[in-house]
Amino acid sequence: MAEMAPLAAHQRVALCAMVHCVQGLPKALANDPGTVIEDGDLTAVCAVIDNAIGVTGPREA
């Protein structure tokens, strides 16, 4: 694998945010799936992840 340049500050923040969301999502769903889904928390977490990895536009079903 080719050597990669170090991540910029904003890339490190985005990576940390994404990892935190991905790690916390299963626990939130396991503890109270109804609330997580119905209150829009799941949608918010997905939006944070999408933003962190640069996804734009609607997702395909």
PDB file of N, CA and C in Angstrom:
ATOM      1  N   MET A   1       0.848  -1.174   0.000  1.00  0.00           N
ATOM      2  CA  MET A   1       0.000   0.000   0.000  1.00  0.00           C
ATOM      3  C   MET A   1       0.895   1.239   0.000  1.00  0.00           C
ATOM      4  N   ALA A   2       0.494   2.207  -0.784  1.00  0.00           N
ATOM      5  CA  ALA A   2       1.245   3.459  -0.854  1.00  0.00           C
ATOM      6  C   ALA A   2       1.105   4.218   0.456  1.00  0.00           C
ATOM      7  N   GLU A   3       2.133   4.949   0.796  1.00  0.00           N
ATOM      8  CA  GLU A   3       2.086   5.742   2.024  1.00  0.00           C
ATOM      9  C   GLU A   3       1.087   6.879   1.854  1.00  0.00           C
ATOM     10  N   MET A   4       0.290   7.081   2.876  1.00  0.00           N
ATOM     11  CA  MET A   4      -0.741   8.128   2.824  1.00  0.00           C
ATOM     12  C   MET A   4      -0.282   9.357   3.588  1.00  0.00           C
ATOM     13  N   ALA A   5      -0.756  10.501   3.133  1.00  0.00           N
ATOM     14  CA  ALA A   5      -0.469  11.755   3.837  1.00  0.00           C
ATOM     15  C   ALA A   5      -1.276  11.781   5.135  1.00  0.00           C
ATOM     16  N   PRO A   6      -0.783  12.464   6.152  1.00  0.00           N
ATOM     17  CA  PRO A   6      -1.540  12.563   7.397  1.00  0.00           C
ATOM     18  C   PRO A   6      -2.877  13.264   7.156  1.00  0.00           C
ATOM     19  N   LEU A   7      -3.857  12.910   7.973  1.00  0.00           N
ATOM     20  CA  LEU A   7      -5.173  13.540   7.865  1.00  0.00           C
ATOM     21  C   LEU A   7      -5.120  14.984   8.348  1.00  0.00           C
ATOM     22  N   ALA A   8      -5.874  15.829   7.665  1.00  0.00           N
ATOM     23  CA  ALA A   8      -6.020  17.222   8.100  1.00  0.00           C
ATOM     24  C   ALA A   8      -6.904  17.243   9.343  1.00  0.00           C
ATOM     25  N   ALA A   9      -6.902  18.345  10.048  1.00  0.00           N
ATOM     26  CA  ALA A   9      -7.674  18.458  11.293  1.00  0.00           C
ATOM     27  C   ALA A   9      -9.152  18.166  11.064  1.00  0.00           C
ATOM     28  N   HIS A  10      -9.741  18.741  10.010  1.00  0.00           N
ATOM     29  CA  HIS A  10     -11.168  18.519   9.774  1.00  0.00           C
ATOM     30  C   HIS A  10     -11.456  17.063   9.397  1.00  0.00           C
ATOM     31  N   GLN A  11     -10.505  16.394   8.771  1.00  0.00           N
ATOM     32  CA  GLN A  11     -10.680  14.982   8.443  1.00  0.00           C
ATOM     33  C   GLN A  11     -10.618  14.117   9.697  1.00  0.00           C
ATOM     34  N   ARG A  12      -9.751  14.472  10.634  1.00  0.00           N
ATOM     35  CA  ARG A  12      -9.669  13.729  11.897  1.00  0.00           C
ATOM     36  C   ARG A  12     -10.956  13.878  12.695  1.00  0.00           C
ATOM     37  N   VAL A  13     -11.506  15.093  12.714  1.00  0.00           N
ATOM     38  CA  VAL A  13     -12.758  15.333  13.429  1.00  0.00           C
ATOM     39  C   VAL A  13     -13.891  14.532  12.789  1.00  0.00           C
ATOM     40  N   ALA A  14     -13.969  14.544  11.468  1.00  0.00           N
ATOM     41  CA  ALA A  14     -15.006  13.792  10.767  1.00  0.00           C
ATOM     42  C   ALA A  14     -14.865  12.295  11.028  1.00  0.00           C
ATOM     43  N   LEU A  15     -13.651  11.798  11.018  1.00  0.00           N
ATOM     44  CA  LEU A  15     -13.415  10.377  11.280  1.00  0.00           C
ATOM     45  C   LEU A  15     -13.817  10.009  12.704  1.00  0.00           C
ATOM     46  N   CYS A  16     -13.440  10.821  13.667  1.00  0.00           N
ATOM     47  CA  CYS A  16     -13.818  10.558  15.063  1.00  0.00           C
ATOM     48  C   CYS A  16     -15.334  10.596  15.245  1.00  0.00           C
ATOM     49  N   ALA A  17     -16.002  11.540  14.607  1.00  0.00           N
ATOM     50  CA  ALA A  17     -17.462  11.634  14.700  1.00  0.00           C
ATOM     51  C   ALA A  17     -18.120  10.400  14.112  1.00  0.00           C
ATOM     52  N   MET A  18     -17.616   9.963  12.974  1.00  0.00           N
ATOM     53  CA  MET A  18     -18.197   8.797  12.325  1.00  0.00           C
ATOM     54  C   MET A  18     -17.991   7.543  13.175  1.00  0.00           C
ATOM     55  N   VAL A  19     -16.806   7.347  13.695  1.00  0.00           N
ATOM     56  CA  VAL A  19     -16.519   6.178  14.521  1.00  0.00           C
ATOM     57  C   VAL A  19     -17.395   6.198  15.773  1.00  0.00           C
ATOM     58  N   HIS A  20     -17.525   7.342  16.399  1.00  0.00           N
ATOM     59  CA  HIS A  20     -18.350   7.457  17.599  1.00  0.00           C
ATOM     60  C   HIS A  20     -19.802   7.095  17.299  1.00  0.00           C
ATOM     61  N   CYS A  21     -20.337   7.602  16.204  1.00  0.00           N
ATOM     62  CA  CYS A  21     -21.724   7.298  15.823  1.00  0.00           C
ATOM     63  C   CYS A  21     -21.908   5.820  15.521  1.00  0.00           C
ATOM     64  N   VAL A  22     -20.984   5.262  14.777  1.00  0.00           N
ATOM     65  CA  VAL A  22     -21.097   3.852  14.401  1.00  0.00           C
ATOM     66  C   VAL A  22     -21.002   2.958  15.631  1.00  0.00           C
ATOM     67  N   GLN A  23     -20.162   3.301  16.575  1.00  0.00           N
ATOM     68  CA  GLN A  23     -20.029   2.500  17.789  1.00  0.00           C
ATOM     69  C   GLN A  23     -21.243   2.647  18.704  1.00  0.00           C
ATOM     70  N   GLY A  24     -21.841   3.812  18.754  1.00  0.00           N
ATOM     71  CA  GLY A  24     -22.960   4.038  19.665  1.00  0.00           C
ATOM     72  C   GLY A  24     -24.298   3.592  19.132  1.00  0.00           C
ATOM     73  N   LEU A  25     -24.440   3.484  17.836  1.00  0.00           N
ATOM     74  CA  LEU A  25     -25.724   3.145  17.236  1.00  0.00           C
ATOM     75  C   LEU A  25     -26.257   1.778  17.658  1.00  0.00           C
ATOM     76  N   PRO A  26     -25.476   0.712  17.621  1.00  0.00           N
ATOM     77  CA  PRO A  26     -26.021  -0.585  18.044  1.00  0.00           C
ATOM     78  C   PRO A  26     -26.499  -0.594  19.494  1.00  0.00           C
ATOM     79  N   LYS A  27     -25.765   0.086  20.364  1.00  0.00           N
ATOM     80  CA  LYS A  27     -26.163   0.137  21.776  1.00  0.00           C
ATOM     81  C   LYS A  27     -27.488   0.880  21.930  1.00  0.00           C
ATOM     82  N   ALA A  28     -27.631   2.007  21.234  1.00  0.00           N
ATOM     83  CA  ALA A  28     -28.877   2.769  21.307  1.00  0.00           C
ATOM     84  C   ALA A  28     -30.046   1.952  20.772  1.00  0.00           C
ATOM     85  N   LEU A  29     -29.832   1.255  19.671  1.00  0.00           N
ATOM     86  CA  LEU A  29     -30.896   0.429  19.102  1.00  0.00           C
ATOM     87  C   LEU A  29     -31.242  -0.739  20.022  1.00  0.00           C
ATOM     88  N   ALA A  30     -30.245  -1.325  20.654  1.00  0.00           N
ATOM     89  CA  ALA A  30     -30.494  -2.449  21.554  1.00  0.00           C
ATOM     90  C   ALA A  30     -31.238  -2.009  22.812  1.00  0.00           C
ATOM     91  N   ASN A  31     -30.904  -0.829  23.330  1.00  0.00           N
ATOM     92  CA  ASN A  31     -31.528  -0.352  24.567  1.00  0.00           C
ATOM     93  C   ASN A  31     -32.970   0.094  24.369  1.00  0.00           C
ATOM     94  N   ASP A  32     -33.243   0.786  23.286  1.00  0.00           N
ATOM     95  CA  ASP A  32     -34.588   1.329  23.076  1.00  0.00           C
ATOM     96  C   ASP A  32     -34.824   1.605  21.593  1.00  0.00           C
ATOM     97  N   PRO A  33     -35.031   0.548  20.807  1.00  0.00           N
ATOM     98  CA  PRO A  33     -35.135   0.746  19.362  1.00  0.00           C
ATOM     99  C   PRO A  33     -36.296   1.638  18.937  1.00  0.00           C
ATOM    100  N   GLY A  34     -37.421   1.536  19.607  1.00  0.00           N
ATOM    101  CA  GLY A  34     -38.584   2.345  19.235  1.00  0.00           C
ATOM    102  C   GLY A  34     -38.306   3.824  19.345  1.00  0.00           C
ATOM    103  N   THR A  35     -37.729   4.227  20.446  1.00  0.00           N
ATOM    104  CA  THR A  35     -37.438   5.645  20.662  1.00  0.00           C
ATOM    105  C   THR A  35     -36.389   6.140  19.672  1.00  0.00           C
ATOM    106  N   VAL A  36     -35.356   5.350  19.454  1.00  0.00           N
ATOM    107  CA  VAL A  36     -34.278   5.752  18.541  1.00  0.00           C
ATOM    108  C   VAL A  36     -34.832   5.986  17.139  1.00  0.00           C
ATOM    109  N   ILE A  37     -35.703   5.093  16.693  1.00  0.00           N
ATOM    110  CA  ILE A  37     -36.230   5.195  15.335  1.00  0.00           C
ATOM    111  C   ILE A  37     -37.323   6.255  15.249  1.00  0.00           C
ATOM    112  N   GLU A  38     -38.284   6.234  16.170  1.00  0.00           N
ATOM    113  CA  GLU A  38     -39.434   7.131  16.095  1.00  0.00           C
ATOM    114  C   GLU A  38     -39.087   8.583  16.391  1.00  0.00           C
ATOM    115  N   ASP A  39     -38.132   8.829  17.260  1.00  0.00           N
ATOM    116  CA  ASP A  39     -37.766  10.211  17.607  1.00  0.00           C
ATOM    117  C   ASP A  39     -36.802  10.843  16.598  1.00  0.00           C
ATOM    118  N   GLY A  40     -36.406  10.095  15.599  1.00  0.00           N
ATOM    119  CA  GLY A  40     -35.528  10.641  14.569  1.00  0.00           C
ATOM    120  C   GLY A  40     -34.049  10.569  14.893  1.00  0.00           C
ATOM    121  N   ASP A  41     -33.699   9.907  15.996  1.00  0.00           N
ATOM    122  CA  ASP A  41     -32.282   9.806  16.349  1.00  0.00           C
ATOM    123  C   ASP A  41     -31.504   9.012  15.310  1.00  0.00           C
ATOM    124  N   LEU A  42     -32.111   7.959  14.785  1.00  0.00           N
ATOM    125  CA  LEU A  42     -31.432   7.139  13.785  1.00  0.00           C
ATOM    126  C   LEU A  42     -31.169   7.956  12.517  1.00  0.00           C
ATOM    127  N   THR A  43     -32.146   8.728  12.116  1.00  0.00           N
ATOM    128  CA  THR A  43     -31.984   9.587  10.940  1.00  0.00           C
ATOM    129  C   THR A  43     -30.880  10.614  11.168  1.00  0.00           C
ATOM    130  N   ALA A  44     -30.834  11.177  12.357  1.00  0.00           N
ATOM    131  CA  ALA A  44     -29.804  12.173  12.671  1.00  0.00           C
ATOM    132  C   ALA A  44     -28.411  11.550  12.633  1.00  0.00           C
ATOM    133  N   VAL A  45     -28.272  10.357  13.190  1.00  0.00           N
ATOM    134  CA  VAL A  45     -26.971   9.686  13.186  1.00  0.00           C
ATOM    135  C   VAL A  45     -26.551   9.372  11.759  1.00  0.00           C
ATOM    136  N   CYS A  46     -27.488   8.898  10.949  1.00  0.00           N
ATOM    137  CA  CYS A  46     -27.159   8.609   9.550  1.00  0.00           C
ATOM    138  C   CYS A  46     -26.741   9.878   8.816  1.00  0.00           C
ATOM    139  N   ALA A  47     -27.375  10.992   9.124  1.00  0.00           N
ATOM    140  CA  ALA A  47     -27.013  12.266   8.494  1.00  0.00           C
ATOM    141  C   ALA A  47     -25.600  12.687   8.899  1.00  0.00           C
ATOM    142  N   VAL A  48     -25.246  12.487  10.156  1.00  0.00           N
ATOM    143  CA  VAL A  48     -23.896  12.822  10.623  1.00  0.00           C
ATOM    144  C   VAL A  48     -22.864  11.964   9.899  1.00  0.00           C
ATOM    145  N   ILE A  49     -23.150  10.665   9.781  1.00  0.00           N
ATOM    146  CA  ILE A  49     -22.218   9.764   9.095  1.00  0.00           C
ATOM    147  C   ILE A  49     -22.097  10.155   7.624  1.00  0.00           C
ATOM    148  N   ASP A  50     -23.234  10.395   6.978  1.00  0.00           N
ATOM    149  CA  ASP A  50     -23.208  10.808   5.566  1.00  0.00           C
ATOM    150  C   ASP A  50     -22.374  12.064   5.373  1.00  0.00           C
ATOM    151  N   ASN A  51     -22.569  13.037   6.258  1.00  0.00           N
ATOM    152  CA  ASN A  51     -21.814  14.282   6.158  1.00  0.00           C
ATOM    153  C   ASN A  51     -20.322  14.040   6.355  1.00  0.00           C
ATOM    154  N   ALA A  52     -19.999  13.176   7.318  1.00  0.00           N
ATOM    155  CA  ALA A  52     -18.587  12.916   7.621  1.00  0.00           C
ATOM    156  C   ALA A  52     -17.873  12.245   6.452  1.00  0.00           C
ATOM    157  N   ILE A  53     -18.583  11.400   5.713  1.00  0.00           N
ATOM    158  CA  ILE A  53     -17.918  10.682   4.621  1.00  0.00           C
ATOM    159  C   ILE A  53     -18.191  11.340   3.262  1.00  0.00           C
ATOM    160  N   GLY A  54     -18.952  12.437   3.268  1.00  0.00           N
ATOM    161  CA  GLY A  54     -19.137  13.208   2.049  1.00  0.00           C
ATOM    162  C   GLY A  54     -20.251  12.734   1.141  1.00  0.00           C
ATOM    163  N   VAL A  55     -21.248  12.027   1.669  1.00  0.00           N
ATOM    164  CA  VAL A  55     -22.376  11.596   0.849  1.00  0.00           C
ATOM    165  C   VAL A  55     -23.306  12.790   0.650  1.00  0.00           C
ATOM    166  N   THR A  56     -23.723  12.999  -0.576  1.00  0.00           N
ATOM    167  CA  THR A  56     -24.661  14.087  -0.860  1.00  0.00           C
ATOM    168  C   THR A  56     -25.869  13.522  -1.593  1.00  0.00           C
ATOM    169  N   GLY A  57     -26.994  14.178  -1.420  1.00  0.00           N
ATOM    170  CA  GLY A  57     -28.211  13.748  -2.105  1.00  0.00           C
ATOM    171  C   GLY A  57     -28.916  12.632  -1.370  1.00  0.00           C
ATOM    172  N   PRO A  58     -30.103  12.284  -1.852  1.00  0.00           N
ATOM    173  CA  PRO A  58     -30.881  11.231  -1.184  1.00  0.00           C
ATOM    174  C   PRO A  58     -30.280   9.861  -1.397  1.00  0.00           C
ATOM    175  N   ARG A  59     -30.516   8.974  -0.439  1.00  0.00           N
ATOM    176  CA  ARG A  59     -30.049   7.604  -0.556  1.00  0.00           C
ATOM    177  C   ARG A  59     -31.056   6.802  -1.371  1.00  0.00           C
ATOM    178  N   GLU A  60     -30.545   5.808  -2.084  1.00  0.00           N
ATOM    179  CA  GLU A  60     -31.440   4.917  -2.802  1.00  0.00           C
ATOM    180  C   GLU A  60     -31.946   3.857  -1.849  1.00  0.00           C
ATOM    181  N   ALA A  61     -33.186   3.462  -2.022  1.00  0.00           N
ATOM    182  CA  ALA A  61     -33.788   2.433  -1.150  1.00  0.00           C
ATOM    183  C   ALA A  61     -33.325   1.061  -1.542  1.00  0.00           C
TER     184      ALA A  61
END
